[in-house]
Amino acid sequence: MTLMKEKAVEMIRRMPEDNMTYVINILQNLEAMSVDKDTDRKRAKSALAEILSMEKRLPDDFDPKKELEEARTEKYENLG
Protein backbone atom coordinates (compact mmCIF):
# COMPACT_ATOMS: atom_id res chain seq x y z
CA MET A 1 0.00 0.00 0.00
CA THR A 2 1.27 3.44 -0.83
CA LEU A 3 2.02 6.01 1.82
CA MET A 4 -0.99 8.09 0.77
CA LYS A 5 -3.36 5.13 1.07
CA GLU A 6 -1.90 4.21 4.47
CA LYS A 7 -2.46 7.78 5.64
CA ALA A 8 -6.07 7.70 4.41
CA VAL A 9 -6.75 4.36 6.12
CA GLU A 10 -5.25 5.65 9.37
CA MET A 11 -7.44 8.76 9.22
CA ILE A 12 -10.52 6.59 8.67
CA ARG A 13 -9.58 4.37 11.63
CA ARG A 14 -9.44 7.41 13.92
CA MET A 15 -12.87 8.69 12.87
CA PRO A 16 -15.94 7.93 14.95
CA GLU A 17 -18.46 5.44 13.52
CA ASP A 18 -21.02 8.24 13.18
CA ASN A 19 -18.94 9.81 10.39
CA MET A 20 -18.54 6.63 8.34
CA THR A 21 -21.68 7.37 6.32
CA TYR A 22 -20.07 10.57 5.08
CA VAL A 23 -16.76 8.86 4.34
CA ILE A 24 -18.49 6.12 2.35
CA ASN A 25 -20.52 8.71 0.44
CA ILE A 26 -17.40 10.68 -0.46
CA LEU A 27 -15.54 7.53 -1.54
CA GLN A 28 -18.47 6.42 -3.69
CA ASN A 29 -18.57 9.83 -5.40
CA LEU A 30 -14.82 9.73 -6.03
CA GLU A 31 -15.10 6.23 -7.44
CA ALA A 32 -17.94 7.29 -9.75
CA MET A 33 -15.90 10.24 -10.99
CA SER A 34 -13.01 7.92 -11.76
CA VAL A 35 -15.24 5.55 -13.75
CA ASP A 36 -16.77 8.47 -15.64
CA LYS A 37 -13.33 9.70 -16.69
CA ASP A 38 -12.50 6.34 -18.21
CA THR A 39 -15.86 6.19 -19.97
CA ASP A 40 -15.52 9.79 -21.18
CA ARG A 41 -12.02 9.12 -22.48
CA LYS A 42 -13.22 6.06 -24.42
CA ARG A 43 -16.17 7.99 -25.87
CA ALA A 44 -13.91 10.88 -26.89
CA LYS A 45 -11.45 8.55 -28.62
CA SER A 46 -14.32 6.82 -30.41
CA ALA A 47 -15.77 10.14 -31.55
CA LEU A 48 -12.40 11.32 -32.82
CA ALA A 49 -11.89 8.06 -34.72
CA GLU A 50 -15.32 8.50 -36.31
CA ILE A 51 -14.56 12.08 -37.34
CA LEU A 52 -11.22 11.08 -38.79
CA SER A 53 -12.82 8.25 -40.72
CA MET A 54 -15.08 10.79 -42.45
CA GLU A 55 -12.18 13.02 -43.40
CA LYS A 56 -12.32 14.11 -47.01
CA ARG A 57 -10.11 16.30 -49.13
CA LEU A 58 -11.33 19.58 -50.49
CA PRO A 59 -11.47 20.06 -54.23
CA ASP A 60 -8.45 21.70 -55.85
CA ASP A 61 -10.53 24.74 -56.82
CA PHE A 62 -11.86 25.32 -53.28
CA ASP A 63 -11.84 29.02 -52.39
CA PRO A 64 -12.33 29.56 -48.64
CA LYS A 65 -12.92 33.32 -49.00
CA LYS A 66 -15.62 32.73 -51.58
CA GLU A 67 -17.25 30.04 -49.42
CA LEU A 68 -17.22 32.35 -46.40
CA GLU A 69 -18.73 35.20 -48.38
CA GLU A 70 -21.49 32.95 -49.76
CA ALA A 71 -22.26 31.64 -46.28
CA ARG A 72 -22.46 35.16 -44.86
CA THR A 73 -24.66 36.34 -47.69
CA GLU A 74 -27.00 33.39 -47.20
CA LYS A 75 -27.19 33.86 -43.45
CA TYR A 76 -27.58 37.63 -43.34
CA GLU A 77 -29.31 38.52 -46.61
CA ASN A 78 -32.68 39.08 -44.90
CA LEU A 79 -31.34 41.52 -42.29
CA GLY A 80 -31.28 44.27 -44.82
PDB file of N, CA and C in Angstrom:
ATOM      1  N   MET A   1       0.851  -1.179   0.000  1.00  0.00           N
ATOM      2  CA  MET A   1       0.000   0.000   0.000  1.00  0.00           C
ATOM      3  C   MET A   1       0.894   1.240   0.000  1.00  0.00           C
ATOM      4  N   THR A   2       0.481   2.219  -0.767  1.00  0.00           N
ATOM      5  CA  THR A   2       1.272   3.443  -0.833  1.00  0.00           C
ATOM      6  C   THR A   2       1.127   4.252   0.450  1.00  0.00           C
ATOM      7  N   LEU A   3       2.038   5.162   0.636  1.00  0.00           N
ATOM      8  CA  LEU A   3       2.023   6.012   1.820  1.00  0.00           C
ATOM      9  C   LEU A   3       0.733   6.821   1.911  1.00  0.00           C
ATOM     10  N   MET A   4       0.259   7.303   0.771  1.00  0.00           N
ATOM     11  CA  MET A   4      -0.987   8.089   0.767  1.00  0.00           C
ATOM     12  C   MET A   4      -2.180   7.245   1.199  1.00  0.00           C
ATOM     13  N   LYS A   5      -2.249   6.006   0.693  1.00  0.00           N
ATOM     14  CA  LYS A   5      -3.365   5.132   1.067  1.00  0.00           C
ATOM     15  C   LYS A   5      -3.281   4.772   2.548  1.00  0.00           C
ATOM     16  N   GLU A   6      -2.067   4.519   3.041  1.00  0.00           N
ATOM     17  CA  GLU A   6      -1.897   4.207   4.465  1.00  0.00           C
ATOM     18  C   GLU A   6      -2.357   5.376   5.331  1.00  0.00           C
ATOM     19  N   LYS A   7      -2.029   6.588   4.902  1.00  0.00           N
ATOM     20  CA  LYS A   7      -2.455   7.781   5.638  1.00  0.00           C
ATOM     21  C   LYS A   7      -3.978   7.892   5.651  1.00  0.00           C
ATOM     22  N   ALA A   8      -4.615   7.631   4.496  1.00  0.00           N
ATOM     23  CA  ALA A   8      -6.074   7.697   4.409  1.00  0.00           C
ATOM     24  C   ALA A   8      -6.725   6.651   5.310  1.00  0.00           C
ATOM     25  N   VAL A   9      -6.199   5.434   5.280  1.00  0.00           N
ATOM     26  CA  VAL A   9      -6.752   4.362   6.116  1.00  0.00           C
ATOM     27  C   VAL A   9      -6.607   4.719   7.584  1.00  0.00           C
ATOM     28  N   GLU A  10      -5.466   5.264   7.974  1.00  0.00           N
ATOM     29  CA  GLU A  10      -5.252   5.652   9.370  1.00  0.00           C
ATOM     30  C   GLU A  10      -6.229   6.752   9.784  1.00  0.00           C
ATOM     31  N   MET A  11      -6.475   7.699   8.909  1.00  0.00           N
ATOM     32  CA  MET A  11      -7.442   8.757   9.224  1.00  0.00           C
ATOM     33  C   MET A  11      -8.833   8.168   9.405  1.00  0.00           C
ATOM     34  N   ILE A  12      -9.200   7.226   8.568  1.00  0.00           N
ATOM     35  CA  ILE A  12     -10.516   6.593   8.671  1.00  0.00           C
ATOM     36  C   ILE A  12     -10.625   5.811   9.979  1.00  0.00           C
ATOM     37  N   ARG A  13      -9.566   5.133  10.362  1.00  0.00           N
ATOM     38  CA  ARG A  13      -9.579   4.369  11.625  1.00  0.00           C
ATOM     39  C   ARG A  13      -9.812   5.273  12.828  1.00  0.00           C
ATOM     40  N   ARG A  14      -9.294   6.489  12.789  1.00  0.00           N
ATOM     41  CA  ARG A  14      -9.440   7.411  13.924  1.00  0.00           C
ATOM     42  C   ARG A  14     -10.821   8.069  13.984  1.00  0.00           C
ATOM     43  N   MET A  15     -11.565   8.024  12.899  1.00  0.00           N
ATOM     44  CA  MET A  15     -12.872   8.693  12.870  1.00  0.00           C
ATOM     45  C   MET A  15     -13.917   7.905  13.648  1.00  0.00           C
ATOM     46  N   PRO A  16     -14.843   8.624  14.253  1.00  0.00           N
ATOM     47  CA  PRO A  16     -15.941   7.933  14.948  1.00  0.00           C
ATOM     48  C   PRO A  16     -16.876   7.257  13.944  1.00  0.00           C
ATOM     49  N   GLU A  17     -17.543   6.209  14.386  1.00  0.00           N
ATOM     50  CA  GLU A  17     -18.460   5.444  13.517  1.00  0.00           C
ATOM     51  C   GLU A  17     -19.542   6.342  12.918  1.00  0.00           C
ATOM     52  N   ASP A  18     -19.945   7.356  13.655  1.00  0.00           N
ATOM     53  CA  ASP A  18     -21.016   8.245  13.179  1.00  0.00           C
ATOM     54  C   ASP A  18     -20.647   8.928  11.854  1.00  0.00           C
ATOM     55  N   ASN A  19     -19.374   9.114  11.605  1.00  0.00           N
ATOM     56  CA  ASN A  19     -18.938   9.806  10.391  1.00  0.00           C
ATOM     57  C   ASN A  19     -18.719   8.871   9.207  1.00  0.00           C
ATOM     58  N   MET A  20     -18.830   7.585   9.405  1.00  0.00           N
ATOM     59  CA  MET A  20     -18.540   6.631   8.336  1.00  0.00           C
ATOM     60  C   MET A  20     -19.503   6.771   7.153  1.00  0.00           C
ATOM     61  N   THR A  21     -20.720   7.163   7.415  1.00  0.00           N
ATOM     62  CA  THR A  21     -21.677   7.371   6.324  1.00  0.00           C
ATOM     63  C   THR A  21     -21.155   8.430   5.361  1.00  0.00           C
ATOM     64  N   TYR A  22     -20.605   9.499   5.913  1.00  0.00           N
ATOM     65  CA  TYR A  22     -20.069  10.569   5.084  1.00  0.00           C
ATOM     66  C   TYR A  22     -18.837  10.107   4.300  1.00  0.00           C
ATOM     67  N   VAL A  23     -17.973   9.364   4.988  1.00  0.00           N
ATOM     68  CA  VAL A  23     -16.760   8.862   4.342  1.00  0.00           C
ATOM     69  C   VAL A  23     -17.125   7.946   3.184  1.00  0.00           C
ATOM     70  N   ILE A  24     -18.061   7.052   3.404  1.00  0.00           N
ATOM     71  CA  ILE A  24     -18.492   6.121   2.351  1.00  0.00           C
ATOM     72  C   ILE A  24     -19.098   6.895   1.188  1.00  0.00           C
ATOM     73  N   ASN A  25     -19.915   7.889   1.486  1.00  0.00           N
ATOM     74  CA  ASN A  25     -20.525   8.707   0.436  1.00  0.00           C
ATOM     75  C   ASN A  25     -19.461   9.408  -0.400  1.00  0.00           C
ATOM     76  N   ILE A  26     -18.473   9.991   0.255  1.00  0.00           N
ATOM     77  CA  ILE A  26     -17.396  10.678  -0.459  1.00  0.00           C
ATOM     78  C   ILE A  26     -16.621   9.697  -1.323  1.00  0.00           C
ATOM     79  N   LEU A  27     -16.292   8.534  -0.782  1.00  0.00           N
ATOM     80  CA  LEU A  27     -15.544   7.532  -1.544  1.00  0.00           C
ATOM     81  C   LEU A  27     -16.346   7.030  -2.743  1.00  0.00           C
ATOM     82  N   GLN A  28     -17.631   6.846  -2.563  1.00  0.00           N
ATOM     83  CA  GLN A  28     -18.473   6.419  -3.690  1.00  0.00           C
ATOM     84  C   GLN A  28     -18.496   7.467  -4.790  1.00  0.00           C
ATOM     85  N   ASN A  29     -18.587   8.744  -4.399  1.00  0.00           N
ATOM     86  CA  ASN A  29     -18.570   9.828  -5.396  1.00  0.00           C
ATOM     87  C   ASN A  29     -17.239   9.893  -6.125  1.00  0.00           C
ATOM     88  N   LEU A  30     -16.145   9.729  -5.390  1.00  0.00           N
ATOM     89  CA  LEU A  30     -14.824   9.728  -6.026  1.00  0.00           C
ATOM     90  C   LEU A  30     -14.679   8.551  -6.985  1.00  0.00           C
ATOM     91  N   GLU A  31     -15.175   7.412  -6.576  1.00  0.00           N
ATOM     92  CA  GLU A  31     -15.102   6.227  -7.437  1.00  0.00           C
ATOM     93  C   GLU A  31     -15.914   6.440  -8.712  1.00  0.00           C
ATOM     94  N   ALA A  32     -17.091   7.019  -8.576  1.00  0.00           N
ATOM     95  CA  ALA A  32     -17.943   7.288  -9.751  1.00  0.00           C
ATOM     96  C   ALA A  32     -17.264   8.270 -10.695  1.00  0.00           C
ATOM     97  N   MET A  33     -16.602   9.269 -10.142  1.00  0.00           N
ATOM     98  CA  MET A  33     -15.897  10.238 -10.985  1.00  0.00           C
ATOM     99  C   MET A  33     -14.767   9.554 -11.751  1.00  0.00           C
ATOM    100  N   SER A  34     -14.107   8.636 -11.114  1.00  0.00           N
ATOM    101  CA  SER A  34     -13.007   7.920 -11.762  1.00  0.00           C
ATOM    102  C   SER A  34     -13.525   7.066 -12.910  1.00  0.00           C
ATOM    103  N   VAL A  35     -14.640   6.390 -12.707  1.00  0.00           N
ATOM    104  CA  VAL A  35     -15.239   5.551 -13.748  1.00  0.00           C
ATOM    105  C   VAL A  35     -15.692   6.418 -14.904  1.00  0.00           C
ATOM    106  N   ASP A  36     -16.295   7.563 -14.602  1.00  0.00           N
ATOM    107  CA  ASP A  36     -16.774   8.466 -15.645  1.00  0.00           C
ATOM    108  C   ASP A  36     -15.625   8.973 -16.515  1.00  0.00           C
ATOM    109  N   LYS A  37     -14.470   9.236 -15.908  1.00  0.00           N
ATOM    110  CA  LYS A  37     -13.329   9.703 -16.692  1.00  0.00           C
ATOM    111  C   LYS A  37     -12.905   8.660 -17.711  1.00  0.00           C
ATOM    112  N   ASP A  38     -12.864   7.401 -17.283  1.00  0.00           N
ATOM    113  CA  ASP A  38     -12.496   6.335 -18.211  1.00  0.00           C
ATOM    114  C   ASP A  38     -13.518   6.220 -19.335  1.00  0.00           C
ATOM    115  N   THR A  39     -14.789   6.275 -18.977  1.00  0.00           N
ATOM    116  CA  THR A  39     -15.857   6.191 -19.969  1.00  0.00           C
ATOM    117  C   THR A  39     -15.794   7.383 -20.919  1.00  0.00           C
ATOM    118  N   ASP A  40     -15.610   8.583 -20.357  1.00  0.00           N
ATOM    119  CA  ASP A  40     -15.524   9.793 -21.183  1.00  0.00           C
ATOM    120  C   ASP A  40     -14.335   9.721 -22.136  1.00  0.00           C
ATOM    121  N   ARG A  41     -13.212   9.224 -21.642  1.00  0.00           N
ATOM    122  CA  ARG A  41     -12.020   9.116 -22.483  1.00  0.00           C
ATOM    123  C   ARG A  41     -12.270   8.153 -23.643  1.00  0.00           C
ATOM    124  N   LYS A  42     -12.915   7.032 -23.369  1.00  0.00           N
ATOM    125  CA  LYS A  42     -13.223   6.055 -24.422  1.00  0.00           C
ATOM    126  C   LYS A  42     -14.190   6.652 -25.442  1.00  0.00           C
ATOM    127  N   ARG A  43     -15.201   7.375 -24.965  1.00  0.00           N
ATOM    128  CA  ARG A  43     -16.166   7.991 -25.873  1.00  0.00           C
ATOM    129  C   ARG A  43     -15.509   9.059 -26.729  1.00  0.00           C
ATOM    130  N   ALA A  44     -14.600   9.833 -26.138  1.00  0.00           N
ATOM    131  CA  ALA A  44     -13.907  10.876 -26.889  1.00  0.00           C
ATOM    132  C   ALA A  44     -13.024  10.265 -27.967  1.00  0.00           C
ATOM    133  N   LYS A  45     -12.306   9.199 -27.625  1.00  0.00           N
ATOM    134  CA  LYS A  45     -11.455   8.545 -28.616  1.00  0.00           C
ATOM    135  C   LYS A  45     -12.292   7.962 -29.748  1.00  0.00           C
ATOM    136  N   SER A  46     -13.428   7.389 -29.399  1.00  0.00           N
ATOM    137  CA  SER A  46     -14.317   6.816 -30.406  1.00  0.00           C
ATOM    138  C   SER A  46     -14.863   7.908 -31.329  1.00  0.00           C
ATOM    139  N   ALA A  47     -15.249   9.031 -30.745  1.00  0.00           N
ATOM    140  CA  ALA A  47     -15.771  10.143 -31.550  1.00  0.00           C
ATOM    141  C   ALA A  47     -14.700  10.693 -32.477  1.00  0.00           C
ATOM    142  N   LEU A  48     -13.484  10.832 -31.975  1.00  0.00           N
ATOM    143  CA  LEU A  48     -12.397  11.318 -32.817  1.00  0.00           C
ATOM    144  C   LEU A  48     -12.122  10.353 -33.964  1.00  0.00           C
ATOM    145  N   ALA A  49     -12.111   9.060 -33.672  1.00  0.00           N
ATOM    146  CA  ALA A  49     -11.893   8.061 -34.723  1.00  0.00           C
ATOM    147  C   ALA A  49     -12.983   8.155 -35.791  1.00  0.00           C
ATOM    148  N   GLU A  50     -14.214   8.384 -35.353  1.00  0.00           N
ATOM    149  CA  GLU A  50     -15.320   8.504 -36.310  1.00  0.00           C
ATOM    150  C   GLU A  50     -15.158   9.747 -37.186  1.00  0.00           C
ATOM    151  N   ILE A  51     -14.772  10.846 -36.566  1.00  0.00           N
ATOM    152  CA  ILE A  51     -14.563  12.082 -37.337  1.00  0.00           C
ATOM    153  C   ILE A  51     -13.434  11.888 -38.342  1.00  0.00           C
ATOM    154  N   LEU A  52     -12.345  11.298 -37.888  1.00  0.00           N
ATOM    155  CA  LEU A  52     -11.216  11.084 -38.787  1.00  0.00           C
ATOM    156  C   LEU A  52     -11.547  10.126 -39.921  1.00  0.00           C
ATOM    157  N   SER A  53     -12.446   9.186 -39.664  1.00  0.00           N
ATOM    158  CA  SER A  53     -12.822   8.248 -40.720  1.00  0.00           C
ATOM    159  C   SER A  53     -13.648   8.933 -41.812  1.00  0.00           C
ATOM    160  N   MET A  54     -14.274  10.055 -41.475  1.00  0.00           N
ATOM    161  CA  MET A  54     -15.083  10.786 -42.451  1.00  0.00           C
ATOM    162  C   MET A  54     -14.288  11.878 -43.158  1.00  0.00           C
ATOM    163  N   GLU A  55     -13.022  11.980 -42.829  1.00  0.00           N
ATOM    164  CA  GLU A  55     -12.181  13.023 -43.399  1.00  0.00           C
ATOM    165  C   GLU A  55     -12.160  12.930 -44.923  1.00  0.00           C
ATOM    166  N   LYS A  56     -12.346  14.052 -45.546  1.00  0.00           N
ATOM    167  CA  LYS A  56     -12.323  14.114 -47.009  1.00  0.00           C
ATOM    168  C   LYS A  56     -11.428  15.274 -47.418  1.00  0.00           C
ATOM    169  N   ARG A  57     -10.927  15.203 -48.609  1.00  0.00           N
ATOM    170  CA  ARG A  57     -10.108  16.301 -49.133  1.00  0.00           C
ATOM    171  C   ARG A  57     -11.006  17.303 -49.857  1.00  0.00           C
ATOM    172  N   LEU A  58     -10.598  18.541 -49.780  1.00  0.00           N
ATOM    173  CA  LEU A  58     -11.334  19.581 -50.489  1.00  0.00           C
ATOM    174  C   LEU A  58     -10.937  19.567 -51.961  1.00  0.00           C
ATOM    175  N   PRO A  59     -11.825  20.003 -52.808  1.00  0.00           N
ATOM    176  CA  PRO A  59     -11.473  20.061 -54.230  1.00  0.00           C
ATOM    177  C   PRO A  59     -10.316  21.037 -54.466  1.00  0.00           C
ATOM    178  N   ASP A  60      -9.593  20.844 -55.540  1.00  0.00           N
ATOM    179  CA  ASP A  60      -8.448  21.700 -55.852  1.00  0.00           C
ATOM    180  C   ASP A  60      -8.858  23.154 -56.066  1.00  0.00           C
ATOM    181  N   ASP A  61     -10.078  23.373 -56.545  1.00  0.00           N
ATOM    182  CA  ASP A  61     -10.528  24.744 -56.820  1.00  0.00           C
ATOM    183  C   ASP A  61     -11.284  25.369 -55.639  1.00  0.00           C
ATOM    184  N   PHE A  62     -11.157  24.795 -54.451  1.00  0.00           N
ATOM    185  CA  PHE A  62     -11.855  25.315 -53.277  1.00  0.00           C
ATOM    186  C   PHE A  62     -11.307  26.687 -52.909  1.00  0.00           C
ATOM    187  N   ASP A  63     -12.215  27.659 -52.747  1.00  0.00           N
ATOM    188  CA  ASP A  63     -11.839  29.023 -52.394  1.00  0.00           C
ATOM    189  C   ASP A  63     -12.496  29.367 -51.048  1.00  0.00           C
ATOM    190  N   PRO A  64     -11.731  29.335 -49.956  1.00  0.00           N
ATOM    191  CA  PRO A  64     -12.330  29.563 -48.638  1.00  0.00           C
ATOM    192  C   PRO A  64     -12.959  30.951 -48.491  1.00  0.00           C
ATOM    193  N   LYS A  65     -12.349  31.969 -49.102  1.00  0.00           N
ATOM    194  CA  LYS A  65     -12.916  33.321 -49.002  1.00  0.00           C
ATOM    195  C   LYS A  65     -14.271  33.395 -49.701  1.00  0.00           C
ATOM    196  N   LYS A  66     -14.367  32.757 -50.840  1.00  0.00           N
ATOM    197  CA  LYS A  66     -15.625  32.730 -51.578  1.00  0.00           C
ATOM    198  C   LYS A  66     -16.694  31.972 -50.793  1.00  0.00           C
ATOM    199  N   GLU A  67     -16.312  30.831 -50.219  1.00  0.00           N
ATOM    200  CA  GLU A  67     -17.253  30.040 -49.418  1.00  0.00           C
ATOM    201  C   GLU A  67     -17.751  30.830 -48.221  1.00  0.00           C
ATOM    202  N   LEU A  68     -16.843  31.542 -47.551  1.00  0.00           N
ATOM    203  CA  LEU A  68     -17.223  32.350 -46.398  1.00  0.00           C
ATOM    204  C   LEU A  68     -18.182  33.458 -46.813  1.00  0.00           C
ATOM    205  N   GLU A  69     -17.871  34.121 -47.901  1.00  0.00           N
ATOM    206  CA  GLU A  69     -18.734  35.203 -48.384  1.00  0.00           C
ATOM    207  C   GLU A  69     -20.126  34.684 -48.735  1.00  0.00           C
ATOM    208  N   GLU A  70     -20.195  33.544 -49.408  1.00  0.00           N
ATOM    209  CA  GLU A  70     -21.495  32.954 -49.762  1.00  0.00           C
ATOM    210  C   GLU A  70     -22.279  32.570 -48.510  1.00  0.00           C
ATOM    211  N   ALA A  71     -21.587  32.032 -47.520  1.00  0.00           N
ATOM    212  CA  ALA A  71     -22.264  31.642 -46.281  1.00  0.00           C
ATOM    213  C   ALA A  71     -22.796  32.869 -45.546  1.00  0.00           C
ATOM    214  N   ARG A  72     -22.003  33.925 -45.506  1.00  0.00           N
ATOM    215  CA  ARG A  72     -22.464  35.161 -44.859  1.00  0.00           C
ATOM    216  C   ARG A  72     -23.659  35.762 -45.585  1.00  0.00           C
ATOM    217  N   THR A  73     -23.560  35.783 -46.892  1.00  0.00           N
ATOM    218  CA  THR A  73     -24.656  36.340 -47.692  1.00  0.00           C
ATOM    219  C   THR A  73     -25.934  35.549 -47.419  1.00  0.00           C
ATOM    220  N   GLU A  74     -25.836  34.240 -47.442  1.00  0.00           N
ATOM    221  CA  GLU A  74     -27.002  33.392 -47.205  1.00  0.00           C
ATOM    222  C   GLU A  74     -27.596  33.608 -45.825  1.00  0.00           C
ATOM    223  N   LYS A  75     -26.716  33.716 -44.831  1.00  0.00           N
ATOM    224  CA  LYS A  75     -27.190  33.859 -43.450  1.00  0.00           C
ATOM    225  C   LYS A  75     -27.795  35.233 -43.175  1.00  0.00           C
ATOM    226  N   TYR A  76     -27.184  36.288 -43.717  1.00  0.00           N
ATOM    227  CA  TYR A  76     -27.580  37.632 -43.345  1.00  0.00           C
ATOM    228  C   TYR A  76     -28.313  38.415 -44.426  1.00  0.00           C
ATOM    229  N   GLU A  77     -28.686  37.780 -45.517  1.00  0.00           N
ATOM    230  CA  GLU A  77     -29.310  38.523 -46.613  1.00  0.00           C
ATOM    231  C   GLU A  77     -30.658  39.130 -46.241  1.00  0.00           C
ATOM    232  N   ASN A  78     -31.348  38.569 -45.264  1.00  0.00           N
ATOM    233  CA  ASN A  78     -32.676  39.080 -44.905  1.00  0.00           C
ATOM    234  C   ASN A  78     -32.631  40.147 -43.818  1.00  0.00           C
ATOM    235  N   LEU A  79     -31.438  40.520 -43.367  1.00  0.00           N
ATOM    236  CA  LEU A  79     -31.342  41.521 -42.287  1.00  0.00           C
ATOM    237  C   LEU A  79     -31.366  42.955 -42.808  1.00  0.00           C
ATOM    238  N   GLY A  80     -31.255  43.115 -44.082  1.00  0.00           N
ATOM    239  CA  GLY A  80     -31.275  44.269 -44.824  1.00  0.00           C
ATOM    240  C   GLY A  80     -31.179  45.617 -44.414  1.00  0.00           C
TER     241      GLY A  80
END
